[in-house]
Amino acid sequence: MNSGITALWLLTMAGILYMTGWQRQVADHTPAWKVTIVLAGIALLHQYRFAIGWRGIDIYGSAAWAIACALVALAASRSLLQSLFALLCALLSGTVWLWVRYMYESDPVFVFLRPELDGPVLAGFLAGMLTETIGMHFFVVTASAAIAPLAALYLPAAVARIEIGSLAWWDGTAVALVSARLTGNVKAGFRAIAKWLGEGRSGERGGSV
C-alpha cells in the first residue's frame, strides 16, 4: 500500500462520522473551523521540508504545523499539572513507540499486527488511557510520533535521513490518533456503565412513578 493512503482513509472515515452526528466521539465536539485550520495547515505546508540537527533529520512543514497546533492544545489546558502530566505521557508513549520500532527494525521476531502499526497502536492506546480530551490525545500522539523516528539513531546500520512528517509518518500518526480516540471512547463507555450500575445499587437512578 502506498504511503499516505492509510491516513487519507482514516481521515475520510473520521470526517464522515463527524458530519453525521458523531462529533463527540470523533473530536469531543471540537468546532469544525478549528479542525479545518489544522487540516488546511497540514495540507498547505506539507510540500516544505527543513533540515535540523547534525544527524540528518528532515522535518516537513506539515509536521511542524501539527506540532505547533499540539502545543497550542497543551497550552489551552490552562493547568500546569495537567500540562506536565501530558508531557510525561507523551514521553512515555514516544519511548514505547521508539522501542517497538527499534525492536522490529533490529530483529523482527514477533509482530502483533504489522511492523508499521504496532508502535502507533500501542502509543495511541497509552494516550487514550492516560489522557481525557481530544486536545491532549492530539498532543501526546503528535509528540510521540516525533520521537519514534529517532529510533534510527540507535540502529547499527546507518540511515540516510530521518524524516518527520513524511506520508508514512502521517500514516502512523493517524493510526495512533484513532487508537487514542477509540481507547478514550471505550473508557468513557465503561465509566458510564459503572455510574449507571452504581446509581442502581444506591437507588438514585431515576425511574417512572
N, C-alpha and C. Protein backbone atom coordinates (compact mmCIF):
# COMPACT_ATOMS: atom_id res chain seq x y z
N MET A 1 0.85 -1.20 0.00
CA MET A 1 0.00 0.00 0.00
C MET A 1 0.88 1.25 0.00
N ASN A 2 0.53 2.21 -0.82
CA ASN A 2 1.31 3.44 -0.92
C ASN A 2 1.21 4.24 0.38
N SER A 3 2.30 4.92 0.71
CA SER A 3 2.32 5.76 1.91
C SER A 3 1.29 6.88 1.78
N GLY A 4 0.62 7.17 2.86
CA GLY A 4 -0.39 8.22 2.89
C GLY A 4 -1.81 7.73 2.70
N ILE A 5 -1.97 6.53 2.12
CA ILE A 5 -3.32 6.02 1.86
C ILE A 5 -4.05 5.74 3.17
N THR A 6 -3.35 5.15 4.14
CA THR A 6 -3.98 4.84 5.42
C THR A 6 -4.46 6.11 6.12
N ALA A 7 -3.62 7.13 6.13
CA ALA A 7 -4.00 8.39 6.77
C ALA A 7 -5.20 9.02 6.07
N LEU A 8 -5.20 9.00 4.74
CA LEU A 8 -6.31 9.57 3.98
C LEU A 8 -7.60 8.81 4.24
N TRP A 9 -7.50 7.49 4.28
CA TRP A 9 -8.68 6.65 4.52
C TRP A 9 -9.26 6.92 5.91
N LEU A 10 -8.39 6.97 6.93
CA LEU A 10 -8.86 7.22 8.29
C LEU A 10 -9.44 8.62 8.42
N LEU A 11 -8.84 9.59 7.74
CA LEU A 11 -9.37 10.95 7.76
C LEU A 11 -10.75 11.01 7.12
N THR A 12 -10.93 10.29 6.03
CA THR A 12 -12.23 10.25 5.37
C THR A 12 -13.29 9.65 6.27
N MET A 13 -12.96 8.52 6.91
CA MET A 13 -13.91 7.88 7.83
C MET A 13 -14.26 8.80 8.99
N ALA A 14 -13.24 9.47 9.56
CA ALA A 14 -13.49 10.37 10.67
C ALA A 14 -14.36 11.55 10.24
N GLY A 15 -14.11 12.06 9.02
CA GLY A 15 -14.92 13.16 8.51
C GLY A 15 -16.38 12.78 8.33
N ILE A 16 -16.61 11.59 7.82
CA ILE A 16 -17.98 11.12 7.64
C ILE A 16 -18.68 11.00 8.99
N LEU A 17 -18.01 10.41 9.96
CA LEU A 17 -18.61 10.25 11.29
C LEU A 17 -18.85 11.62 11.94
N TYR A 18 -17.90 12.53 11.77
CA TYR A 18 -18.04 13.86 12.36
C TYR A 18 -19.25 14.59 11.79
N MET A 19 -19.49 14.44 10.49
CA MET A 19 -20.58 15.15 9.83
C MET A 19 -21.93 14.47 10.00
N THR A 20 -21.95 13.28 10.56
CA THR A 20 -23.22 12.54 10.70
C THR A 20 -23.61 12.32 12.15
N GLY A 21 -23.17 13.23 13.02
CA GLY A 21 -23.66 13.19 14.39
C GLY A 21 -22.75 12.55 15.42
N TRP A 22 -21.54 12.21 15.03
CA TRP A 22 -20.62 11.57 15.97
C TRP A 22 -19.50 12.52 16.38
N GLN A 23 -19.83 13.81 16.51
CA GLN A 23 -18.81 14.81 16.81
C GLN A 23 -18.11 14.55 18.14
N ARG A 24 -18.88 14.15 19.14
CA ARG A 24 -18.27 13.93 20.46
C ARG A 24 -17.30 12.75 20.43
N GLN A 25 -17.69 11.66 19.79
CA GLN A 25 -16.82 10.50 19.76
C GLN A 25 -15.57 10.75 18.92
N VAL A 26 -15.71 11.54 17.85
CA VAL A 26 -14.58 11.79 16.97
C VAL A 26 -13.65 12.85 17.54
N ALA A 27 -14.22 13.96 18.00
CA ALA A 27 -13.37 15.10 18.37
C ALA A 27 -13.88 15.90 19.54
N ASP A 28 -14.66 15.29 20.44
CA ASP A 28 -15.14 15.99 21.63
C ASP A 28 -15.85 17.31 21.30
N HIS A 29 -16.65 17.31 20.24
CA HIS A 29 -17.40 18.50 19.84
C HIS A 29 -16.49 19.68 19.49
N THR A 30 -15.27 19.40 19.04
CA THR A 30 -14.39 20.47 18.58
C THR A 30 -15.03 21.16 17.38
N PRO A 31 -15.11 22.49 17.35
CA PRO A 31 -15.74 23.19 16.23
C PRO A 31 -15.08 22.85 14.90
N ALA A 32 -15.89 22.83 13.86
CA ALA A 32 -15.39 22.47 12.54
C ALA A 32 -14.32 23.44 12.05
N TRP A 33 -14.40 24.72 12.44
CA TRP A 33 -13.42 25.69 11.95
C TRP A 33 -12.03 25.40 12.52
N LYS A 34 -11.97 24.90 13.74
CA LYS A 34 -10.66 24.55 14.32
C LYS A 34 -10.07 23.34 13.59
N VAL A 35 -10.90 22.35 13.33
CA VAL A 35 -10.43 21.17 12.59
C VAL A 35 -9.96 21.57 11.20
N THR A 36 -10.70 22.49 10.57
CA THR A 36 -10.34 22.94 9.22
C THR A 36 -9.00 23.66 9.21
N ILE A 37 -8.75 24.50 10.21
CA ILE A 37 -7.48 25.21 10.29
C ILE A 37 -6.31 24.24 10.41
N VAL A 38 -6.46 23.25 11.27
CA VAL A 38 -5.38 22.27 11.46
C VAL A 38 -5.12 21.50 10.16
N LEU A 39 -6.18 20.99 9.54
CA LEU A 39 -6.02 20.18 8.33
C LEU A 39 -5.53 21.03 7.16
N ALA A 40 -6.01 22.26 7.04
CA ALA A 40 -5.57 23.13 5.95
C ALA A 40 -4.08 23.44 6.08
N GLY A 41 -3.64 23.72 7.30
CA GLY A 41 -2.22 23.98 7.51
C GLY A 41 -1.36 22.78 7.16
N ILE A 42 -1.82 21.60 7.52
CA ILE A 42 -1.08 20.38 7.20
C ILE A 42 -0.97 20.20 5.69
N ALA A 43 -2.08 20.40 4.99
CA ALA A 43 -2.08 20.21 3.54
C ALA A 43 -1.22 21.24 2.83
N LEU A 44 -1.30 22.50 3.24
CA LEU A 44 -0.59 23.57 2.55
C LEU A 44 0.92 23.57 2.82
N LEU A 45 1.30 23.12 3.99
CA LEU A 45 2.71 23.19 4.37
C LEU A 45 3.49 21.90 4.14
N HIS A 46 2.79 20.86 3.71
CA HIS A 46 3.47 19.57 3.57
C HIS A 46 4.60 19.61 2.53
N GLN A 47 4.48 20.45 1.55
CA GLN A 47 5.49 20.48 0.49
C GLN A 47 6.83 21.05 0.95
N TYR A 48 6.84 21.72 2.07
CA TYR A 48 8.09 22.31 2.57
C TYR A 48 8.80 21.34 3.50
N ARG A 49 10.11 21.34 3.43
CA ARG A 49 10.90 20.43 4.26
C ARG A 49 12.17 21.14 4.72
N PHE A 50 12.51 20.95 5.99
CA PHE A 50 13.65 21.64 6.58
C PHE A 50 14.58 20.62 7.23
N ALA A 51 15.86 20.87 7.15
CA ALA A 51 16.86 20.01 7.78
C ALA A 51 17.20 20.58 9.15
N ILE A 52 17.22 19.71 10.15
CA ILE A 52 17.58 20.13 11.50
C ILE A 52 18.58 19.13 12.08
N GLY A 53 19.41 19.59 12.97
CA GLY A 53 20.33 18.70 13.66
C GLY A 53 21.51 18.28 12.80
N TRP A 54 22.44 17.59 13.44
CA TRP A 54 23.66 17.17 12.76
C TRP A 54 23.52 15.78 12.16
N ARG A 55 22.47 15.04 12.50
CA ARG A 55 22.36 13.65 12.10
C ARG A 55 21.60 13.48 10.79
N GLY A 56 21.13 14.54 10.22
CA GLY A 56 20.36 14.43 9.00
C GLY A 56 18.89 14.16 9.26
N ILE A 57 18.25 15.06 10.02
CA ILE A 57 16.84 14.93 10.35
C ILE A 57 16.08 15.96 9.52
N ASP A 58 15.11 15.48 8.75
CA ASP A 58 14.25 16.37 7.96
C ASP A 58 12.88 16.43 8.61
N ILE A 59 12.37 17.64 8.77
CA ILE A 59 11.02 17.81 9.28
C ILE A 59 10.19 18.54 8.23
N TYR A 60 9.06 17.99 7.89
CA TYR A 60 8.17 18.59 6.90
C TYR A 60 7.37 19.71 7.56
N GLY A 61 6.94 20.64 6.71
CA GLY A 61 6.12 21.73 7.22
C GLY A 61 4.83 21.25 7.84
N SER A 62 4.27 20.16 7.32
CA SER A 62 3.02 19.63 7.88
C SER A 62 3.22 19.15 9.31
N ALA A 63 4.35 18.49 9.56
CA ALA A 63 4.63 18.01 10.91
C ALA A 63 4.91 19.17 11.85
N ALA A 64 5.65 20.18 11.35
CA ALA A 64 5.92 21.36 12.18
C ALA A 64 4.62 22.06 12.56
N TRP A 65 3.69 22.16 11.61
CA TRP A 65 2.39 22.79 11.89
C TRP A 65 1.60 21.95 12.90
N ALA A 66 1.61 20.63 12.74
CA ALA A 66 0.90 19.76 13.67
C ALA A 66 1.47 19.88 15.08
N ILE A 67 2.80 19.94 15.18
CA ILE A 67 3.43 20.08 16.49
C ILE A 67 3.06 21.42 17.12
N ALA A 68 3.04 22.49 16.31
CA ALA A 68 2.64 23.80 16.82
C ALA A 68 1.20 23.78 17.32
N CYS A 69 0.31 23.16 16.56
CA CYS A 69 -1.10 23.06 16.98
C CYS A 69 -1.22 22.22 18.25
N ALA A 70 -0.41 21.17 18.35
CA ALA A 70 -0.43 20.33 19.56
C ALA A 70 0.02 21.12 20.78
N LEU A 71 1.02 21.97 20.60
CA LEU A 71 1.47 22.81 21.71
C LEU A 71 0.41 23.82 22.12
N VAL A 72 -0.32 24.34 21.14
CA VAL A 72 -1.43 25.25 21.45
C VAL A 72 -2.50 24.50 22.25
N ALA A 73 -2.79 23.26 21.85
CA ALA A 73 -3.77 22.45 22.58
C ALA A 73 -3.30 22.19 24.01
N LEU A 74 -2.01 21.97 24.16
CA LEU A 74 -1.46 21.76 25.50
C LEU A 74 -1.59 23.02 26.35
N ALA A 75 -1.26 24.17 25.76
CA ALA A 75 -1.36 25.43 26.50
C ALA A 75 -2.80 25.77 26.84
N ALA A 76 -3.74 25.31 26.01
CA ALA A 76 -5.15 25.62 26.25
C ALA A 76 -5.71 24.94 27.49
N SER A 77 -5.01 23.96 28.00
CA SER A 77 -5.49 23.28 29.21
C SER A 77 -5.49 24.21 30.42
N ARG A 78 -4.58 25.22 30.40
CA ARG A 78 -4.51 26.23 31.46
C ARG A 78 -4.31 25.61 32.84
N SER A 79 -3.71 24.45 32.86
CA SER A 79 -3.42 23.78 34.12
C SER A 79 -1.99 23.26 34.05
N LEU A 80 -1.15 23.78 34.94
CA LEU A 80 0.26 23.38 34.92
C LEU A 80 0.41 21.90 35.19
N LEU A 81 -0.34 21.38 36.16
CA LEU A 81 -0.23 19.96 36.48
C LEU A 81 -0.68 19.08 35.32
N GLN A 82 -1.79 19.48 34.68
CA GLN A 82 -2.28 18.71 33.54
C GLN A 82 -1.28 18.76 32.38
N SER A 83 -0.67 19.91 32.17
CA SER A 83 0.31 20.04 31.10
C SER A 83 1.55 19.19 31.38
N LEU A 84 2.01 19.20 32.62
CA LEU A 84 3.17 18.38 32.98
C LEU A 84 2.85 16.90 32.84
N PHE A 85 1.65 16.52 33.22
CA PHE A 85 1.25 15.12 33.10
C PHE A 85 1.18 14.71 31.63
N ALA A 86 0.64 15.60 30.78
CA ALA A 86 0.57 15.30 29.36
C ALA A 86 1.97 15.17 28.76
N LEU A 87 2.91 16.01 29.21
CA LEU A 87 4.29 15.91 28.74
C LEU A 87 4.90 14.56 29.12
N LEU A 88 4.64 14.11 30.34
CA LEU A 88 5.14 12.81 30.78
C LEU A 88 4.50 11.68 29.98
N CYS A 89 3.21 11.82 29.70
CA CYS A 89 2.52 10.81 28.88
C CYS A 89 3.11 10.75 27.48
N ALA A 90 3.40 11.92 26.91
CA ALA A 90 3.99 11.97 25.57
C ALA A 90 5.36 11.32 25.57
N LEU A 91 6.15 11.57 26.61
CA LEU A 91 7.47 10.96 26.71
C LEU A 91 7.36 9.45 26.82
N LEU A 92 6.42 8.98 27.64
CA LEU A 92 6.21 7.54 27.80
C LEU A 92 5.76 6.89 26.49
N SER A 93 4.74 7.47 25.87
CA SER A 93 4.21 6.91 24.62
C SER A 93 5.26 6.94 23.52
N GLY A 94 5.97 8.06 23.42
CA GLY A 94 7.01 8.16 22.41
C GLY A 94 8.13 7.17 22.62
N THR A 95 8.51 6.95 23.88
CA THR A 95 9.56 5.98 24.17
C THR A 95 9.12 4.56 23.82
N VAL A 96 7.88 4.23 24.15
CA VAL A 96 7.36 2.91 23.81
C VAL A 96 7.32 2.72 22.29
N TRP A 97 6.82 3.72 21.57
CA TRP A 97 6.77 3.66 20.10
C TRP A 97 8.18 3.53 19.53
N LEU A 98 9.12 4.31 20.06
CA LEU A 98 10.52 4.24 19.60
C LEU A 98 11.09 2.85 19.86
N TRP A 99 10.81 2.30 21.04
CA TRP A 99 11.34 0.98 21.40
C TRP A 99 10.79 -0.11 20.48
N VAL A 100 9.47 -0.05 20.21
CA VAL A 100 8.87 -1.04 19.31
C VAL A 100 9.47 -0.92 17.92
N ARG A 101 9.65 0.29 17.45
CA ARG A 101 10.23 0.49 16.12
C ARG A 101 11.67 -0.01 16.07
N TYR A 102 12.43 0.29 17.10
CA TYR A 102 13.82 -0.18 17.16
C TYR A 102 13.87 -1.71 17.20
N MET A 103 13.00 -2.30 18.01
CA MET A 103 12.98 -3.75 18.14
C MET A 103 12.65 -4.43 16.82
N TYR A 104 11.64 -3.93 16.11
CA TYR A 104 11.24 -4.54 14.85
C TYR A 104 12.30 -4.36 13.76
N GLU A 105 12.92 -3.17 13.73
CA GLU A 105 13.92 -2.93 12.69
C GLU A 105 15.22 -3.69 12.98
N SER A 106 15.50 -3.95 14.25
CA SER A 106 16.72 -4.67 14.60
C SER A 106 16.54 -6.18 14.42
N ASP A 107 15.43 -6.70 14.95
CA ASP A 107 15.20 -8.14 14.90
C ASP A 107 13.69 -8.41 14.95
N PRO A 108 13.01 -8.37 13.81
CA PRO A 108 11.54 -8.52 13.78
C PRO A 108 11.10 -9.96 14.02
N VAL A 109 11.25 -10.42 15.26
CA VAL A 109 10.89 -11.80 15.58
C VAL A 109 9.39 -11.93 15.82
N PHE A 110 8.84 -11.01 16.61
CA PHE A 110 7.43 -11.09 16.96
C PHE A 110 6.72 -9.83 16.49
N VAL A 111 5.70 -10.01 15.68
CA VAL A 111 4.90 -8.90 15.19
C VAL A 111 3.45 -9.17 15.54
N PHE A 112 2.80 -8.22 16.22
CA PHE A 112 1.43 -8.42 16.66
C PHE A 112 0.44 -8.18 15.51
N LEU A 113 0.46 -6.99 14.94
CA LEU A 113 -0.39 -6.67 13.79
C LEU A 113 0.47 -6.60 12.54
N ARG A 114 1.15 -5.46 12.39
CA ARG A 114 2.11 -5.23 11.32
C ARG A 114 3.22 -4.36 11.90
N PRO A 115 4.44 -4.50 11.40
CA PRO A 115 5.55 -3.73 11.98
C PRO A 115 5.30 -2.24 12.02
N GLU A 116 4.63 -1.71 10.99
CA GLU A 116 4.41 -0.26 10.94
C GLU A 116 3.19 0.18 11.74
N LEU A 117 2.41 -0.76 12.28
CA LEU A 117 1.20 -0.42 13.02
C LEU A 117 1.30 -0.65 14.52
N ASP A 118 2.11 -1.61 14.93
CA ASP A 118 2.13 -1.97 16.35
C ASP A 118 2.55 -0.80 17.24
N GLY A 119 3.59 -0.07 16.85
CA GLY A 119 4.01 1.08 17.64
C GLY A 119 2.95 2.15 17.75
N PRO A 120 2.35 2.60 16.63
CA PRO A 120 1.29 3.60 16.71
C PRO A 120 0.08 3.15 17.52
N VAL A 121 -0.33 1.90 17.35
CA VAL A 121 -1.49 1.41 18.09
C VAL A 121 -1.21 1.43 19.59
N LEU A 122 -0.04 0.98 20.00
CA LEU A 122 0.30 0.95 21.42
C LEU A 122 0.45 2.35 21.98
N ALA A 123 1.09 3.25 21.23
CA ALA A 123 1.24 4.63 21.68
C ALA A 123 -0.13 5.30 21.81
N GLY A 124 -1.01 5.07 20.84
CA GLY A 124 -2.35 5.63 20.90
C GLY A 124 -3.15 5.08 22.07
N PHE A 125 -2.97 3.80 22.35
CA PHE A 125 -3.66 3.19 23.50
C PHE A 125 -3.23 3.87 24.79
N LEU A 126 -1.94 4.09 24.95
CA LEU A 126 -1.45 4.78 26.16
C LEU A 126 -1.99 6.20 26.23
N ALA A 127 -2.03 6.89 25.09
CA ALA A 127 -2.56 8.26 25.07
C ALA A 127 -4.03 8.27 25.48
N GLY A 128 -4.81 7.32 24.98
CA GLY A 128 -6.23 7.26 25.32
C GLY A 128 -6.48 6.87 26.76
N MET A 129 -5.63 6.02 27.32
CA MET A 129 -5.80 5.59 28.70
C MET A 129 -5.38 6.66 29.69
N LEU A 130 -4.35 7.42 29.36
CA LEU A 130 -3.76 8.33 30.33
C LEU A 130 -4.31 9.76 30.24
N THR A 131 -4.88 10.14 29.12
CA THR A 131 -5.42 11.49 28.97
C THR A 131 -6.88 11.42 28.55
N GLU A 132 -7.57 12.57 28.63
CA GLU A 132 -9.02 12.55 28.51
C GLU A 132 -9.58 13.22 27.26
N THR A 133 -9.01 14.32 26.81
CA THR A 133 -9.63 15.13 25.77
C THR A 133 -8.92 14.94 24.43
N ILE A 134 -9.60 15.37 23.36
CA ILE A 134 -9.02 15.29 22.02
C ILE A 134 -7.75 16.13 21.93
N GLY A 135 -7.73 17.28 22.63
CA GLY A 135 -6.54 18.12 22.60
C GLY A 135 -5.34 17.41 23.19
N MET A 136 -5.53 16.74 24.33
CA MET A 136 -4.44 16.02 24.96
C MET A 136 -4.06 14.78 24.14
N HIS A 137 -5.06 14.12 23.56
CA HIS A 137 -4.75 12.99 22.69
C HIS A 137 -3.89 13.44 21.51
N PHE A 138 -4.27 14.56 20.92
CA PHE A 138 -3.53 15.07 19.77
C PHE A 138 -2.11 15.45 20.15
N PHE A 139 -1.96 16.08 21.30
CA PHE A 139 -0.61 16.45 21.73
C PHE A 139 0.26 15.23 21.99
N VAL A 140 -0.25 14.28 22.76
CA VAL A 140 0.54 13.09 23.10
C VAL A 140 0.91 12.30 21.85
N VAL A 141 -0.06 12.13 20.95
CA VAL A 141 0.21 11.35 19.73
C VAL A 141 1.22 12.06 18.84
N THR A 142 1.04 13.37 18.65
CA THR A 142 1.96 14.11 17.79
C THR A 142 3.38 14.12 18.35
N ALA A 143 3.49 14.34 19.65
CA ALA A 143 4.82 14.31 20.27
C ALA A 143 5.44 12.92 20.17
N SER A 144 4.63 11.89 20.39
CA SER A 144 5.14 10.51 20.30
C SER A 144 5.60 10.20 18.89
N ALA A 145 4.83 10.66 17.90
CA ALA A 145 5.20 10.42 16.51
C ALA A 145 6.49 11.12 16.14
N ALA A 146 6.76 12.27 16.77
CA ALA A 146 8.01 12.98 16.51
C ALA A 146 9.20 12.28 17.17
N ILE A 147 8.97 11.59 18.28
CA ILE A 147 10.04 10.90 18.98
C ILE A 147 10.38 9.57 18.30
N ALA A 148 9.36 8.85 17.82
CA ALA A 148 9.55 7.49 17.31
C ALA A 148 10.61 7.35 16.21
N PRO A 149 10.68 8.25 15.20
CA PRO A 149 11.69 8.06 14.15
C PRO A 149 13.13 8.14 14.64
N LEU A 150 13.33 8.68 15.83
CA LEU A 150 14.69 8.79 16.36
C LEU A 150 15.27 7.43 16.71
N ALA A 151 14.46 6.38 16.61
CA ALA A 151 14.98 5.03 16.81
C ALA A 151 16.10 4.73 15.83
N ALA A 152 16.07 5.37 14.66
CA ALA A 152 17.11 5.14 13.66
C ALA A 152 18.49 5.55 14.17
N LEU A 153 18.55 6.44 15.14
CA LEU A 153 19.83 6.88 15.67
C LEU A 153 20.56 5.75 16.40
N TYR A 154 19.79 4.76 16.86
CA TYR A 154 20.38 3.68 17.65
C TYR A 154 20.59 2.40 16.86
N LEU A 155 20.21 2.42 15.59
CA LEU A 155 20.41 1.23 14.77
C LEU A 155 21.86 1.14 14.32
N PRO A 156 22.40 -0.08 14.27
CA PRO A 156 23.80 -0.21 13.84
C PRO A 156 24.03 0.22 12.41
N ALA A 157 23.06 -0.04 11.55
CA ALA A 157 23.20 0.34 10.15
C ALA A 157 22.86 1.82 9.99
N ALA A 158 23.67 2.52 9.21
CA ALA A 158 23.45 3.96 9.00
C ALA A 158 22.21 4.18 8.16
N VAL A 159 21.44 5.19 8.52
CA VAL A 159 20.24 5.55 7.79
C VAL A 159 20.49 6.89 7.11
N ALA A 160 20.09 7.01 5.86
CA ALA A 160 20.38 8.22 5.09
C ALA A 160 19.86 9.46 5.81
N ARG A 161 18.56 9.53 6.03
CA ARG A 161 17.98 10.66 6.73
C ARG A 161 16.78 10.19 7.54
N ILE A 162 16.48 10.92 8.58
CA ILE A 162 15.30 10.67 9.40
C ILE A 162 14.26 11.69 9.00
N GLU A 163 13.08 11.23 8.63
CA GLU A 163 12.03 12.12 8.16
C GLU A 163 10.87 12.16 9.15
N ILE A 164 10.54 13.36 9.58
CA ILE A 164 9.39 13.59 10.46
C ILE A 164 8.36 14.38 9.66
N GLY A 165 7.26 13.74 9.33
CA GLY A 165 6.23 14.41 8.54
C GLY A 165 6.03 13.84 7.16
N SER A 166 6.74 12.77 6.82
CA SER A 166 6.53 12.13 5.53
C SER A 166 5.15 11.49 5.49
N LEU A 167 4.74 11.02 4.32
CA LEU A 167 3.43 10.38 4.20
C LEU A 167 3.35 9.14 5.08
N ALA A 168 4.45 8.36 5.14
CA ALA A 168 4.47 7.18 6.00
C ALA A 168 4.36 7.59 7.47
N TRP A 169 4.99 8.71 7.83
CA TRP A 169 4.88 9.23 9.19
C TRP A 169 3.44 9.59 9.52
N TRP A 170 2.75 10.18 8.56
CA TRP A 170 1.36 10.55 8.79
C TRP A 170 0.46 9.33 8.91
N ASP A 171 0.80 8.25 8.21
CA ASP A 171 0.04 7.01 8.39
C ASP A 171 0.09 6.55 9.84
N GLY A 172 1.30 6.51 10.40
CA GLY A 172 1.45 6.09 11.78
C GLY A 172 0.77 7.04 12.75
N THR A 173 0.88 8.34 12.49
CA THR A 173 0.25 9.33 13.37
C THR A 173 -1.26 9.20 13.36
N ALA A 174 -1.84 8.99 12.17
CA ALA A 174 -3.29 8.83 12.06
C ALA A 174 -3.76 7.57 12.79
N VAL A 175 -3.03 6.48 12.64
CA VAL A 175 -3.38 5.24 13.33
C VAL A 175 -3.31 5.43 14.84
N ALA A 176 -2.27 6.12 15.32
CA ALA A 176 -2.13 6.37 16.75
C ALA A 176 -3.26 7.23 17.28
N LEU A 177 -3.66 8.26 16.52
CA LEU A 177 -4.74 9.14 16.97
C LEU A 177 -6.07 8.40 17.00
N VAL A 178 -6.33 7.56 16.01
CA VAL A 178 -7.55 6.75 16.02
C VAL A 178 -7.54 5.78 17.20
N SER A 179 -6.39 5.18 17.47
CA SER A 179 -6.27 4.28 18.61
C SER A 179 -6.55 5.02 19.91
N ALA A 180 -6.05 6.24 20.02
CA ALA A 180 -6.29 7.04 21.23
C ALA A 180 -7.77 7.37 21.40
N ARG A 181 -8.42 7.76 20.31
CA ARG A 181 -9.84 8.11 20.40
C ARG A 181 -10.70 6.89 20.71
N LEU A 182 -10.39 5.75 20.08
CA LEU A 182 -11.14 4.53 20.37
C LEU A 182 -10.98 4.13 21.83
N THR A 183 -9.75 4.19 22.33
CA THR A 183 -9.50 3.84 23.72
C THR A 183 -10.23 4.80 24.65
N GLY A 184 -10.18 6.09 24.35
CA GLY A 184 -10.86 7.06 25.17
C GLY A 184 -12.37 6.86 25.18
N ASN A 185 -12.96 6.52 24.04
CA ASN A 185 -14.40 6.30 23.98
C ASN A 185 -14.81 5.03 24.72
N VAL A 186 -14.00 3.98 24.58
CA VAL A 186 -14.30 2.75 25.33
C VAL A 186 -14.19 3.00 26.83
N LYS A 187 -13.18 3.75 27.23
CA LYS A 187 -13.01 4.10 28.65
C LYS A 187 -14.21 4.90 29.15
N ALA A 188 -14.67 5.86 28.36
CA ALA A 188 -15.84 6.64 28.75
C ALA A 188 -17.09 5.77 28.83
N GLY A 189 -17.21 4.80 27.93
CA GLY A 189 -18.34 3.88 27.97
C GLY A 189 -18.36 3.05 29.23
N PHE A 190 -17.20 2.54 29.64
CA PHE A 190 -17.13 1.76 30.88
C PHE A 190 -17.46 2.63 32.09
N ARG A 191 -17.03 3.88 32.05
CA ARG A 191 -17.35 4.79 33.16
C ARG A 191 -18.86 5.01 33.25
N ALA A 192 -19.50 5.20 32.10
CA ALA A 192 -20.96 5.42 32.09
C ALA A 192 -21.69 4.19 32.62
N ILE A 193 -21.23 3.01 32.23
CA ILE A 193 -21.86 1.78 32.71
C ILE A 193 -21.68 1.65 34.22
N ALA A 194 -20.45 1.92 34.70
CA ALA A 194 -20.19 1.82 36.13
C ALA A 194 -21.05 2.82 36.91
N LYS A 195 -21.21 4.02 36.37
CA LYS A 195 -22.04 5.03 37.04
C LYS A 195 -23.49 4.58 37.07
N TRP A 196 -23.96 4.02 35.96
CA TRP A 196 -25.35 3.56 35.89
C TRP A 196 -25.60 2.43 36.87
N LEU A 197 -24.66 1.50 36.97
CA LEU A 197 -24.81 0.40 37.92
C LEU A 197 -24.74 0.91 39.35
N GLY A 198 -23.85 1.89 39.61
CA GLY A 198 -23.75 2.44 40.95
C GLY A 198 -25.02 3.16 41.38
N GLU A 199 -25.63 3.90 40.45
CA GLU A 199 -26.88 4.58 40.76
C GLU A 199 -28.00 3.58 41.03
N GLY A 200 -27.97 2.45 40.32
CA GLY A 200 -29.00 1.43 40.54
C GLY A 200 -28.88 0.80 41.90
N ARG A 201 -27.67 0.55 42.35
CA ARG A 201 -27.47 -0.07 43.65
C ARG A 201 -27.83 0.88 44.79
N SER A 202 -27.57 2.17 44.59
CA SER A 202 -27.85 3.15 45.66
C SER A 202 -29.28 3.65 45.63
N GLY A 203 -30.03 3.27 44.58
CA GLY A 203 -31.41 3.71 44.46
C GLY A 203 -31.56 5.11 43.97
N GLU A 204 -30.50 5.71 43.42
CA GLU A 204 -30.56 7.09 42.93
C GLU A 204 -30.97 7.18 41.49
N ARG A 205 -31.02 6.05 40.76
CA ARG A 205 -31.36 6.11 39.35
C ARG A 205 -32.82 6.49 39.19
N GLY A 206 -33.06 7.41 38.29
CA GLY A 206 -34.43 7.86 38.04
C GLY A 206 -35.27 6.78 37.42
N GLY A 207 -36.58 6.82 37.68
CA GLY A 207 -37.47 5.82 37.11
C GLY A 207 -38.86 6.38 36.99
N SER A 208 -39.76 5.59 36.50
CA SER A 208 -41.15 6.04 36.34
C SER A 208 -41.88 5.98 37.66
N VAL A 209 -42.84 6.88 37.82
CA VAL A 209 -43.63 6.95 39.04
C VAL A 209 -44.96 6.26 38.83
